[in-house]
Structure formats: C-alpha cells, structure tokens
PDB file of N, CA and C in Angstrom:
ATOM      1  N   MET A   1      25.424 -25.924  -8.460  1.00  0.00           N
ATOM      2  CA  MET A   1      25.262 -25.364  -7.476  1.00  0.00           C
ATOM      3  C   MET A   1      23.384 -26.339  -6.162  1.00  0.00           C
ATOM      4  N   THR A   2      24.031 -25.362  -5.276  1.00  0.00           N
ATOM      5  CA  THR A   2      23.205 -27.067  -4.164  1.00  0.00           C
ATOM      6  C   THR A   2      21.735 -26.428  -3.561  1.00  0.00           C
ATOM      7  N   ASP A   3      20.490 -26.483  -3.131  1.00  0.00           N
ATOM      8  CA  ASP A   3      19.750 -26.792  -2.906  1.00  0.00           C
ATOM      9  C   ASP A   3      19.740 -25.141  -1.821  1.00  0.00           C
ATOM     10  N   GLU A   4      20.460 -25.344  -0.807  1.00  0.00           N
ATOM     11  CA  GLU A   4      20.826 -24.660   0.175  1.00  0.00           C
ATOM     12  C   GLU A   4      20.423 -22.823  -0.209  1.00  0.00           C
ATOM     13  N   PRO A   5      18.543 -21.978   0.223  1.00  0.00           N
ATOM     14  CA  PRO A   5      18.981 -20.336   0.986  1.00  0.00           C
ATOM     15  C   PRO A   5      20.070 -20.282   0.781  1.00  0.00           C
ATOM     16  N   SER A   6      20.345 -19.704   0.263  1.00  0.00           N
ATOM     17  CA  SER A   6      21.245 -18.401   0.286  1.00  0.00           C
ATOM     18  C   SER A   6      21.900 -17.392   1.240  1.00  0.00           C
ATOM     19  N   ASP A   7      22.198 -17.279   1.445  1.00  0.00           N
ATOM     20  CA  ASP A   7      22.966 -16.448   2.630  1.00  0.00           C
ATOM     21  C   ASP A   7      22.085 -14.751   2.650  1.00  0.00           C
ATOM     22  N   PRO A   8      21.737 -13.721   3.151  1.00  0.00           N
ATOM     23  CA  PRO A   8      21.580 -12.598   3.062  1.00  0.00           C
ATOM     24  C   PRO A   8      22.296 -12.053   2.169  1.00  0.00           C
ATOM     25  N   ALA A   9      22.107 -11.065   2.163  1.00  0.00           N
ATOM     26  CA  ALA A   9      22.745  -9.968   1.528  1.00  0.00           C
ATOM     27  C   ALA A   9      23.411  -9.871   2.266  1.00  0.00           C
ATOM     28  N   PRO A  10      25.700  -8.870   2.261  1.00  0.00           N
ATOM     29  CA  PRO A  10      26.399  -8.738   2.805  1.00  0.00           C
ATOM     30  C   PRO A  10      26.505  -7.622   3.561  1.00  0.00           C
ATOM     31  N   ASN A  11      25.211  -6.634   2.283  1.00  0.00           N
ATOM     32  CA  ASN A  11      25.121  -5.355   3.468  1.00  0.00           C
ATOM     33  C   ASN A  11      23.778  -4.868   4.335  1.00  0.00           C
ATOM     34  N   ASP A  12      23.027  -7.063   4.808  1.00  0.00           N
ATOM     35  CA  ASP A  12      21.903  -6.131   5.729  1.00  0.00           C
ATOM     36  C   ASP A  12      22.138  -6.489   6.891  1.00  0.00           C
ATOM     37  N   PRO A  13      22.236  -5.292   7.468  1.00  0.00           N
ATOM     38  CA  PRO A  13      23.869  -5.239   8.901  1.00  0.00           C
ATOM     39  C   PRO A  13      23.051  -7.016   9.719  1.00  0.00           C
ATOM     40  N   ALA A  14      20.791  -7.032   9.541  1.00  0.00           N
ATOM     41  CA  ALA A  14      20.662  -8.011  11.156  1.00  0.00           C
ATOM     42  C   ALA A  14      19.547  -7.522  10.049  1.00  0.00           C
ATOM     43  N   PRO A  15      19.271  -8.773   9.586  1.00  0.00           N
ATOM     44  CA  PRO A  15      17.894  -9.560   8.681  1.00  0.00           C
ATOM     45  C   PRO A  15      17.380  -9.804  10.278  1.00  0.00           C
ATOM     46  N   ASN A  16      17.849 -10.305  11.445  1.00  0.00           N
ATOM     47  CA  ASN A  16      16.472 -10.817  11.960  1.00  0.00           C
ATOM     48  C   ASN A  16      15.929 -10.102  12.844  1.00  0.00           C
ATOM     49  N   ASP A  17      16.511  -8.369  12.631  1.00  0.00           N
ATOM     50  CA  ASP A  17      16.347  -7.313  13.999  1.00  0.00           C
ATOM     51  C   ASP A  17      14.454  -7.357  13.486  1.00  0.00           C
ATOM     52  N   PRO A  18      13.564  -7.021  14.711  1.00  0.00           N
ATOM     53  CA  PRO A  18      12.525  -7.017  15.295  1.00  0.00           C
ATOM     54  C   PRO A  18      12.051  -5.754  14.405  1.00  0.00           C
ATOM     55  N   VAL A  19      12.773  -4.775  14.758  1.00  0.00           N
ATOM     56  CA  VAL A  19      12.568  -3.699  13.640  1.00  0.00           C
ATOM     57  C   VAL A  19      12.160  -3.290  12.776  1.00  0.00           C
ATOM     58  N   LEU A  20      13.739  -4.141  12.173  1.00  0.00           N
ATOM     59  CA  LEU A  20      13.910  -4.239  11.163  1.00  0.00           C
ATOM     60  C   LEU A  20      12.444  -5.059   9.648  1.00  0.00           C
ATOM     61  N   VAL A  21      11.960  -6.302  11.181  1.00  0.00           N
ATOM     62  CA  VAL A  21      11.448  -7.035  10.770  1.00  0.00           C
ATOM     63  C   VAL A  21       9.889  -6.699  10.600  1.00  0.00           C
ATOM     64  N   ARG A  22       9.234  -5.112  11.385  1.00  0.00           N
ATOM     65  CA  ARG A  22       8.291  -5.095  11.666  1.00  0.00           C
ATOM     66  C   ARG A  22       8.108  -4.574  10.621  1.00  0.00           C
ATOM     67  N   ARG A  23       8.737  -2.976   9.963  1.00  0.00           N
ATOM     68  CA  ARG A  23       9.219  -1.943   9.440  1.00  0.00           C
ATOM     69  C   ARG A  23       9.157  -3.049   7.659  1.00  0.00           C
ATOM     70  N   ALA A  24       9.562  -3.785   7.529  1.00  0.00           N
ATOM     71  CA  ALA A  24       8.995  -4.975   6.764  1.00  0.00           C
ATOM     72  C   ALA A  24       7.371  -5.045   5.906  1.00  0.00           C
ATOM     73  N   LEU A  25       7.104  -5.409   7.264  1.00  0.00           N
ATOM     74  CA  LEU A  25       5.973  -5.579   7.173  1.00  0.00           C
ATOM     75  C   LEU A  25       4.597  -4.813   6.905  1.00  0.00           C
ATOM     76  N   VAL A  26       5.617  -3.567   8.075  1.00  0.00           N
ATOM     77  CA  VAL A  26       4.781  -2.634   7.848  1.00  0.00           C
ATOM     78  C   VAL A  26       4.209  -1.859   6.283  1.00  0.00           C
ATOM     79  N   ALA A  27       5.119  -1.902   5.961  1.00  0.00           N
ATOM     80  CA  ALA A  27       5.935  -1.426   3.631  1.00  0.00           C
ATOM     81  C   ALA A  27       5.111  -2.414   3.071  1.00  0.00           C
ATOM     82  N   ARG A  28       4.908  -3.808   3.904  1.00  0.00           N
ATOM     83  CA  ARG A  28       3.853  -4.565   2.833  1.00  0.00           C
ATOM     84  C   ARG A  28       2.826  -4.111   2.587  1.00  0.00           C
ATOM     85  N   LEU A  29       2.152  -4.086   4.272  1.00  0.00           N
ATOM     86  CA  LEU A  29       0.415  -3.533   4.586  1.00  0.00           C
ATOM     87  C   LEU A  29       0.578  -2.636   3.622  1.00  0.00           C
ATOM     88  N   ALA A  30       1.481  -1.211   3.774  1.00  0.00           N
ATOM     89  CA  ALA A  30       1.103  -0.334   3.297  1.00  0.00           C
ATOM     90  C   ALA A  30       0.837   0.095   1.477  1.00  0.00           C
ATOM     91  N   ALA A  31       1.678  -0.438   1.520  1.00  0.00           N
ATOM     92  CA  ALA A  31       1.829  -1.039  -0.253  1.00  0.00           C
ATOM     93  C   ALA A  31       0.288  -2.179  -0.690  1.00  0.00           C
ATOM     94  N   LEU A  32      -0.320  -2.418   0.175  1.00  0.00           N
ATOM     95  CA  LEU A  32      -1.308  -3.361  -1.014  1.00  0.00           C
ATOM     96  C   LEU A  32      -2.386  -2.147   0.118  1.00  0.00           C
ATOM     97  N   GLY A  33      -2.370  -1.428   0.932  1.00  0.00           N
ATOM     98  CA  GLY A  33      -4.291  -0.622   0.720  1.00  0.00           C
ATOM     99  C   GLY A  33      -3.856   0.115   0.212  1.00  0.00           C
ATOM    100  N   GLN A  34      -2.293   0.763  -0.822  1.00  0.00           N
ATOM    101  CA  GLN A  34      -1.920   1.424  -1.735  1.00  0.00           C
ATOM    102  C   GLN A  34      -2.567   1.771  -3.265  1.00  0.00           C
ATOM    103  N   ARG A  35      -2.083   0.166  -3.246  1.00  0.00           N
ATOM    104  CA  ARG A  35      -2.765  -0.664  -4.827  1.00  0.00           C
ATOM    105  C   ARG A  35      -4.778  -1.139  -4.497  1.00  0.00           C
ATOM    106  N   ILE A  36      -4.835  -1.372  -3.116  1.00  0.00           N
ATOM    107  CA  ILE A  36      -6.352  -1.496  -3.299  1.00  0.00           C
ATOM    108  C   ILE A  36      -7.459   0.195  -2.840  1.00  0.00           C
ATOM    109  N   GLY A  37      -6.604   0.468  -2.688  1.00  0.00           N
ATOM    110  CA  GLY A  37      -7.464   1.914  -2.265  1.00  0.00           C
ATOM    111  C   GLY A  37      -7.389   2.453  -3.763  1.00  0.00           C
ATOM    112  N   TYR A  38      -6.061   2.898  -3.921  1.00  0.00           N
ATOM    113  CA  TYR A  38      -5.928   3.081  -5.894  1.00  0.00           C
ATOM    114  C   TYR A  38      -6.396   2.536  -7.025  1.00  0.00           C
ATOM    115  N   ALA A  39      -6.964   0.863  -6.163  1.00  0.00           N
ATOM    116  CA  ALA A  39      -7.959   0.137  -7.425  1.00  0.00           C
ATOM    117  C   ALA A  39      -9.496   0.712  -7.631  1.00  0.00           C
ATOM    118  N   LEU A  40      -9.838   0.982  -6.172  1.00  0.00           N
ATOM    119  CA  LEU A  40     -11.556   1.091  -5.565  1.00  0.00           C
ATOM    120  C   LEU A  40     -11.309   2.790  -6.945  1.00  0.00           C
ATOM    121  N   PHE A  41     -10.175   3.671  -6.087  1.00  0.00           N
ATOM    122  CA  PHE A  41     -10.851   4.306  -7.159  1.00  0.00           C
ATOM    123  C   PHE A  41     -10.748   4.580  -8.776  1.00  0.00           C
ATOM    124  N   ALA A  42      -9.793   3.454  -8.503  1.00  0.00           N
ATOM    125  CA  ALA A  42     -10.250   3.712 -10.471  1.00  0.00           C
ATOM    126  C   ALA A  42     -11.493   3.356 -11.226  1.00  0.00           C
ATOM    127  N   VAL A  43     -12.447   2.194  -9.973  1.00  0.00           N
ATOM    128  CA  VAL A  43     -13.314   1.758 -10.637  1.00  0.00           C
ATOM    129  C   VAL A  43     -14.407   2.389 -10.391  1.00  0.00           C
ATOM    130  N   ALA A  44     -14.518   3.429  -8.730  1.00  0.00           N
ATOM    131  CA  ALA A  44     -15.392   5.008  -9.414  1.00  0.00           C
ATOM    132  C   ALA A  44     -15.473   5.111 -10.079  1.00  0.00           C
ATOM    133  N   VAL A  45     -14.206   6.115 -10.772  1.00  0.00           N
ATOM    134  CA  VAL A  45     -14.539   6.469 -12.180  1.00  0.00           C
ATOM    135  C   VAL A  45     -15.070   5.936 -13.337  1.00  0.00           C
ATOM    136  N   VAL A  46     -14.801   4.700 -13.186  1.00  0.00           N
ATOM    137  CA  VAL A  46     -14.954   4.060 -14.803  1.00  0.00           C
ATOM    138  C   VAL A  46     -16.744   4.056 -14.448  1.00  0.00           C
ATOM    139  N   VAL A  47     -17.440   3.302 -13.228  1.00  0.00           N
ATOM    140  CA  VAL A  47     -18.225   3.009 -12.723  1.00  0.00           C
ATOM    141  C   VAL A  47     -19.445   5.058 -13.115  1.00  0.00           C
ATOM    142  N   PHE A  48     -18.573   5.792 -12.899  1.00  0.00           N
ATOM    143  CA  PHE A  48     -18.595   7.226 -12.592  1.00  0.00           C
ATOM    144  C   PHE A  48     -18.724   7.180 -14.165  1.00  0.00           C
ATOM    145  N   PHE A  49     -18.131   7.139 -15.488  1.00  0.00           N
ATOM    146  CA  PHE A  49     -18.206   7.671 -16.428  1.00  0.00           C
ATOM    147  C   PHE A  49     -19.740   6.216 -17.151  1.00  0.00           C
ATOM    148  N   VAL A  50     -19.039   5.399 -16.373  1.00  0.00           N
ATOM    149  CA  VAL A  50     -20.741   4.296 -17.116  1.00  0.00           C
ATOM    150  C   VAL A  50     -22.380   5.425 -16.533  1.00  0.00           C
ATOM    151  N   GLY A  51     -21.611   5.721 -15.026  1.00  0.00           N
ATOM    152  CA  GLY A  51     -23.515   6.599 -15.066  1.00  0.00           C
ATOM    153  C   GLY A  51     -23.298   7.308 -15.713  1.00  0.00           C
ATOM    154  N   PHE A  52     -22.852   8.064 -16.072  1.00  0.00           N
ATOM    155  CA  PHE A  52     -22.356   9.946 -16.780  1.00  0.00           C
ATOM    156  C   PHE A  52     -23.379   9.154 -18.285  1.00  0.00           C
ATOM    157  N   PHE A  53     -23.246   8.313 -18.887  1.00  0.00           N
ATOM    158  CA  PHE A  53     -23.264   7.982 -20.574  1.00  0.00           C
ATOM    159  C   PHE A  53     -24.208   6.499 -20.244  1.00  0.00           C
ATOM    160  N   ALA A  54     -24.974   6.652 -19.062  1.00  0.00           N
ATOM    161  CA  ALA A  54     -26.120   5.165 -19.429  1.00  0.00           C
ATOM    162  C   ALA A  54     -27.371   5.726 -18.566  1.00  0.00           C
ATOM    163  N   GLY A  55     -26.868   6.839 -17.301  1.00  0.00           N
ATOM    164  CA  GLY A  55     -27.805   7.207 -15.927  1.00  0.00           C
ATOM    165  C   GLY A  55     -27.465   7.044 -15.582  1.00  0.00           C
ATOM    166  N   PHE A  56     -27.701   8.131 -14.360  1.00  0.00           N
ATOM    167  CA  PHE A  56     -27.103   6.896 -12.598  1.00  0.00           C
ATOM    168  C   PHE A  56     -28.623   6.555 -12.181  1.00  0.00           C
ATOM    169  N   THR A  57     -28.417   5.691 -11.936  1.00  0.00           N
ATOM    170  CA  THR A  57     -29.520   4.784 -11.111  1.00  0.00           C
ATOM    171  C   THR A  57     -28.418   4.766  -9.772  1.00  0.00           C
ATOM    172  N   THR A  58     -29.625   4.313  -8.955  1.00  0.00           N
ATOM    173  CA  THR A  58     -29.835   4.052  -6.881  1.00  0.00           C
ATOM    174  C   THR A  58     -28.031   2.994  -7.157  1.00  0.00           C
ATOM    175  N   ALA A  59     -28.420   2.407  -8.415  1.00  0.00           N
ATOM    176  CA  ALA A  59     -26.617   0.925  -7.703  1.00  0.00           C
ATOM    177  C   ALA A  59     -25.677   1.601  -8.215  1.00  0.00           C
ATOM    178  N   VAL A  60     -25.654   2.446  -9.119  1.00  0.00           N
ATOM    179  CA  VAL A  60     -25.030   3.222 -10.017  1.00  0.00           C
ATOM    180  C   VAL A  60     -23.697   4.249  -8.678  1.00  0.00           C
ATOM    181  N   VAL A  61     -24.950   4.622  -8.207  1.00  0.00           N
ATOM    182  CA  VAL A  61     -23.800   5.847  -7.524  1.00  0.00           C
ATOM    183  C   VAL A  61     -23.933   5.006  -5.894  1.00  0.00           C
ATOM    184  N   THR A  62     -24.464   4.236  -5.721  1.00  0.00           N
ATOM    185  CA  THR A  62     -24.097   3.558  -4.476  1.00  0.00           C
ATOM    186  C   THR A  62     -23.252   2.501  -4.744  1.00  0.00           C
ATOM    187  N   VAL A  63     -22.438   1.764  -5.961  1.00  0.00           N
ATOM    188  CA  VAL A  63     -20.889   1.519  -6.313  1.00  0.00           C
ATOM    189  C   VAL A  63     -20.838   2.876  -6.192  1.00  0.00           C
ATOM    190  N   ILE A  64     -20.332   3.715  -6.827  1.00  0.00           N
ATOM    191  CA  ILE A  64     -19.979   4.859  -6.815  1.00  0.00           C
ATOM    192  C   ILE A  64     -19.147   5.459  -4.864  1.00  0.00           C
ATOM    193  N   VAL A  65     -19.641   5.806  -4.510  1.00  0.00           N
ATOM    194  CA  VAL A  65     -19.703   5.833  -2.905  1.00  0.00           C
ATOM    195  C   VAL A  65     -19.045   4.976  -2.464  1.00  0.00           C
ATOM    196  N   ALA A  66     -19.759   3.979  -2.516  1.00  0.00           N
ATOM    197  CA  ALA A  66     -18.786   2.578  -1.863  1.00  0.00           C
ATOM    198  C   ALA A  66     -17.476   2.863  -1.605  1.00  0.00           C
ATOM    199  N   CYS A  67     -16.838   1.989  -3.173  1.00  0.00           N
ATOM    200  CA  CYS A  67     -16.180   2.073  -3.506  1.00  0.00           C
ATOM    201  C   CYS A  67     -14.474   3.566  -2.885  1.00  0.00           C
ATOM    202  N   LEU A  68     -15.183   4.846  -3.285  1.00  0.00           N
ATOM    203  CA  LEU A  68     -14.575   5.751  -2.908  1.00  0.00           C
ATOM    204  C   LEU A  68     -14.603   5.840  -1.362  1.00  0.00           C
ATOM    205  N   ALA A  69     -15.061   5.795  -0.388  1.00  0.00           N
ATOM    206  CA  ALA A  69     -14.937   5.533   1.218  1.00  0.00           C
ATOM    207  C   ALA A  69     -15.064   4.383   1.338  1.00  0.00           C
ATOM    208  N   VAL A  70     -14.926   2.771   0.220  1.00  0.00           N
ATOM    209  CA  VAL A  70     -13.695   1.895   1.046  1.00  0.00           C
ATOM    210  C   VAL A  70     -12.526   2.238   0.570  1.00  0.00           C
ATOM    211  N   GLY A  71     -12.282   3.262  -0.481  1.00  0.00           N
ATOM    212  CA  GLY A  71     -10.725   3.623  -1.462  1.00  0.00           C
ATOM    213  C   GLY A  71     -10.303   4.219  -0.262  1.00  0.00           C
ATOM    214  N   SER A  72     -11.079   5.091   0.356  1.00  0.00           N
ATOM    215  CA  SER A  72     -10.354   6.147   1.804  1.00  0.00           C
ATOM    216  C   SER A  72      -9.671   5.567   2.680  1.00  0.00           C
ATOM    217  N   VAL A  73     -10.595   4.652   2.692  1.00  0.00           N
ATOM    218  CA  VAL A  73      -9.921   4.382   4.448  1.00  0.00           C
ATOM    219  C   VAL A  73      -8.827   3.508   4.334  1.00  0.00           C
ATOM    220  N   ALA A  74      -8.391   2.582   2.527  1.00  0.00           N
ATOM    221  CA  ALA A  74      -7.785   1.434   3.134  1.00  0.00           C
ATOM    222  C   ALA A  74      -6.904   2.526   2.619  1.00  0.00           C
ATOM    223  N   LEU A  75      -7.140   3.280   1.543  1.00  0.00           N
ATOM    224  CA  LEU A  75      -5.714   4.685   1.785  1.00  0.00           C
ATOM    225  C   LEU A  75      -5.087   5.794   2.552  1.00  0.00           C
ATOM    226  N   ALA A  76      -6.042   5.743   2.711  1.00  0.00           N
ATOM    227  CA  ALA A  76      -5.506   7.058   3.759  1.00  0.00           C
ATOM    228  C   ALA A  76      -4.265   6.588   4.840  1.00  0.00           C
ATOM    229  N   PRO A  77      -3.839   6.002   5.737  1.00  0.00           N
ATOM    230  CA  PRO A  77      -3.491   4.782   6.636  1.00  0.00           C
ATOM    231  C   PRO A  77      -1.984   4.422   5.232  1.00  0.00           C
ATOM    232  N   ALA A  78      -2.814   3.963   4.289  1.00  0.00           N
ATOM    233  CA  ALA A  78      -1.584   3.577   3.670  1.00  0.00           C
ATOM    234  C   ALA A  78      -0.787   4.354   3.572  1.00  0.00           C
ATOM    235  N   ILE A  79      -1.026   5.483   3.370  1.00  0.00           N
ATOM    236  CA  ILE A  79      -0.107   6.302   2.044  1.00  0.00           C
ATOM    237  C   ILE A  79       0.204   7.117   3.359  1.00  0.00           C
ATOM    238  N   VAL A  80       0.025   7.957   5.007  1.00  0.00           N
ATOM    239  CA  VAL A  80       0.747   7.813   6.298  1.00  0.00           C
ATOM    240  C   VAL A  80       1.596   6.618   6.639  1.00  0.00           C
ATOM    241  N   ALA A  81       1.906   5.028   5.641  1.00  0.00           N
ATOM    242  CA  ALA A  81       2.983   4.108   6.424  1.00  0.00           C
ATOM    243  C   ALA A  81       3.973   4.260   5.855  1.00  0.00           C
ATOM    244  N   SER A  82       3.236   4.456   4.336  1.00  0.00           N
ATOM    245  CA  SER A  82       3.913   4.232   3.490  1.00  0.00           C
ATOM    246  C   SER A  82       5.597   5.413   3.833  1.00  0.00           C
ATOM    247  N   TYR A  83       4.915   6.844   4.053  1.00  0.00           N
ATOM    248  CA  TYR A  83       5.910   7.981   4.442  1.00  0.00           C
ATOM    249  C   TYR A  83       6.759   7.677   6.128  1.00  0.00           C
ATOM    250  N   ALA A  84       6.000   7.157   6.936  1.00  0.00           N
ATOM    251  CA  ALA A  84       6.601   6.357   7.775  1.00  0.00           C
ATOM    252  C   ALA A  84       7.901   5.748   7.780  1.00  0.00           C
ATOM    253  N   VAL A  85       7.303   4.876   7.169  1.00  0.00           N
ATOM    254  CA  VAL A  85       8.638   3.829   6.530  1.00  0.00           C
ATOM    255  C   VAL A  85       9.961   4.184   5.898  1.00  0.00           C
ATOM    256  N   LYS A  86       9.499   5.022   4.845  1.00  0.00           N
ATOM    257  CA  LYS A  86      10.170   5.505   4.457  1.00  0.00           C
ATOM    258  C   LYS A  86      11.555   6.652   5.266  1.00  0.00           C
ATOM    259  N   ALA A  87      11.111   7.515   6.014  1.00  0.00           N
ATOM    260  CA  ALA A  87      10.964   8.474   6.740  1.00  0.00           C
ATOM    261  C   ALA A  87      12.696   7.496   7.531  1.00  0.00           C
ATOM    262  N   ALA A  88      11.547   6.764   7.946  1.00  0.00           N
ATOM    263  CA  ALA A  88      12.762   5.295   8.815  1.00  0.00           C
ATOM    264  C   ALA A  88      13.876   5.262   8.476  1.00  0.00           C
ATOM    265  N   GLU A  89      13.566   4.873   7.425  1.00  0.00           N
ATOM    266  CA  GLU A  89      14.762   4.225   6.207  1.00  0.00           C
ATOM    267  C   GLU A  89      15.837   5.513   5.912  1.00  0.00           C
ATOM    268  N   ARG A  90      15.228   6.108   5.468  1.00  0.00           N
ATOM    269  CA  ARG A  90      16.275   7.692   5.763  1.00  0.00           C
ATOM    270  C   ARG A  90      16.814   8.084   6.785  1.00  0.00           C
ATOM    271  N   GLU A  91      16.171   7.629   7.799  1.00  0.00           N
ATOM    272  CA  GLU A  91      16.803   8.038   9.013  1.00  0.00           C
ATOM    273  C   GLU A  91      17.646   7.286   9.571  1.00  0.00           C
ATOM    274  N   ASP A  92      18.056   6.130   9.591  1.00  0.00           N
ATOM    275  CA  ASP A  92      18.826   5.116   8.957  1.00  0.00           C
ATOM    276  C   ASP A  92      20.283   5.169   8.071  1.00  0.00           C
ATOM    277  N   ARG A  93      19.602   5.840   7.624  1.00  0.00           N
ATOM    278  CA  ARG A  93      20.797   5.748   6.099  1.00  0.00           C
ATOM    279  C   ARG A  93      22.137   7.399   6.886  1.00  0.00           C
ATOM    280  N   GLU A  94      21.405   7.928   7.197  1.00  0.00           N
ATOM    281  CA  GLU A  94      21.504   9.111   8.209  1.00  0.00           C
ATOM    282  C   GLU A  94      22.312   8.763   9.072  1.00  0.00           C
ATOM    283  N   LEU A  95      21.770   8.219   9.581  1.00  0.00           N
ATOM    284  CA  LEU A  95      23.118   7.842  11.329  1.00  0.00           C
ATOM    285  C   LEU A  95      23.737   6.697  11.039  1.00  0.00           C
ATOM    286  N   GLY A  96      24.151   5.786   9.625  1.00  0.00           N
ATOM    287  CA  GLY A  96      24.384   5.003   9.498  1.00  0.00           C
ATOM    288  C   GLY A  96      24.255   4.080  10.272  1.00  0.00           C
ATOM    289  N   ARG A  97      23.421   3.093  10.120  1.00  0.00           N
ATOM    290  CA  ARG A  97      22.377   2.307  10.414  1.00  0.00           C
ATOM    291  C   ARG A  97      22.855   1.367   9.531  1.00  0.00           C
TER     292      ARG A  97
END
C-alpha cells in the first residue's frame, strides 16, 4: 500500500469540472440547511410540549417562534436547492454526460 491518494473513480468523467464542483458545493450546503432547518423544527416541537405541560411563558413562546422562523428561513431554500441538484443530475444522466 502506498500513502498516495487514490485516483478519482473511473466513472467520474471530469473531477475538476467547475459545474460539477459547484453542484457538489450546493448539494452539501443544501444538506446542511436541511439538517439545521429540521433540527430547529424538532426543537420547536419539543419546546412546545414543554410549554404545553409546564405552561407557556414568554420565553417558551419566543423560543418556539424563533425556531420556527429561523428553521423556515434555512429549510425552504435548502429544499429548493436540493431538488435543483437532483434535477440537474437526472438531466445529466438522461443526456449521457
């Protein structure tokens, strides 16, 4: 075994193609945005139930609304970008690229 990095996958037509590099970056950012958005929605749900059983104080309501607002801001564009990346990859496959 050598310590040199392995060659790119043989099925990868152009590992240095700027379009593919940008698409991979957008896919990573979209995945991150989805994780953040869904995590904030989960926090909002948990805090909602805490407030439901313990009482809705101003702080609890503020946390719920803030999590829902920031989660929506993170999640909406991430979902759109994710679908865009998938559509571009599907088009590339259909055109044989």
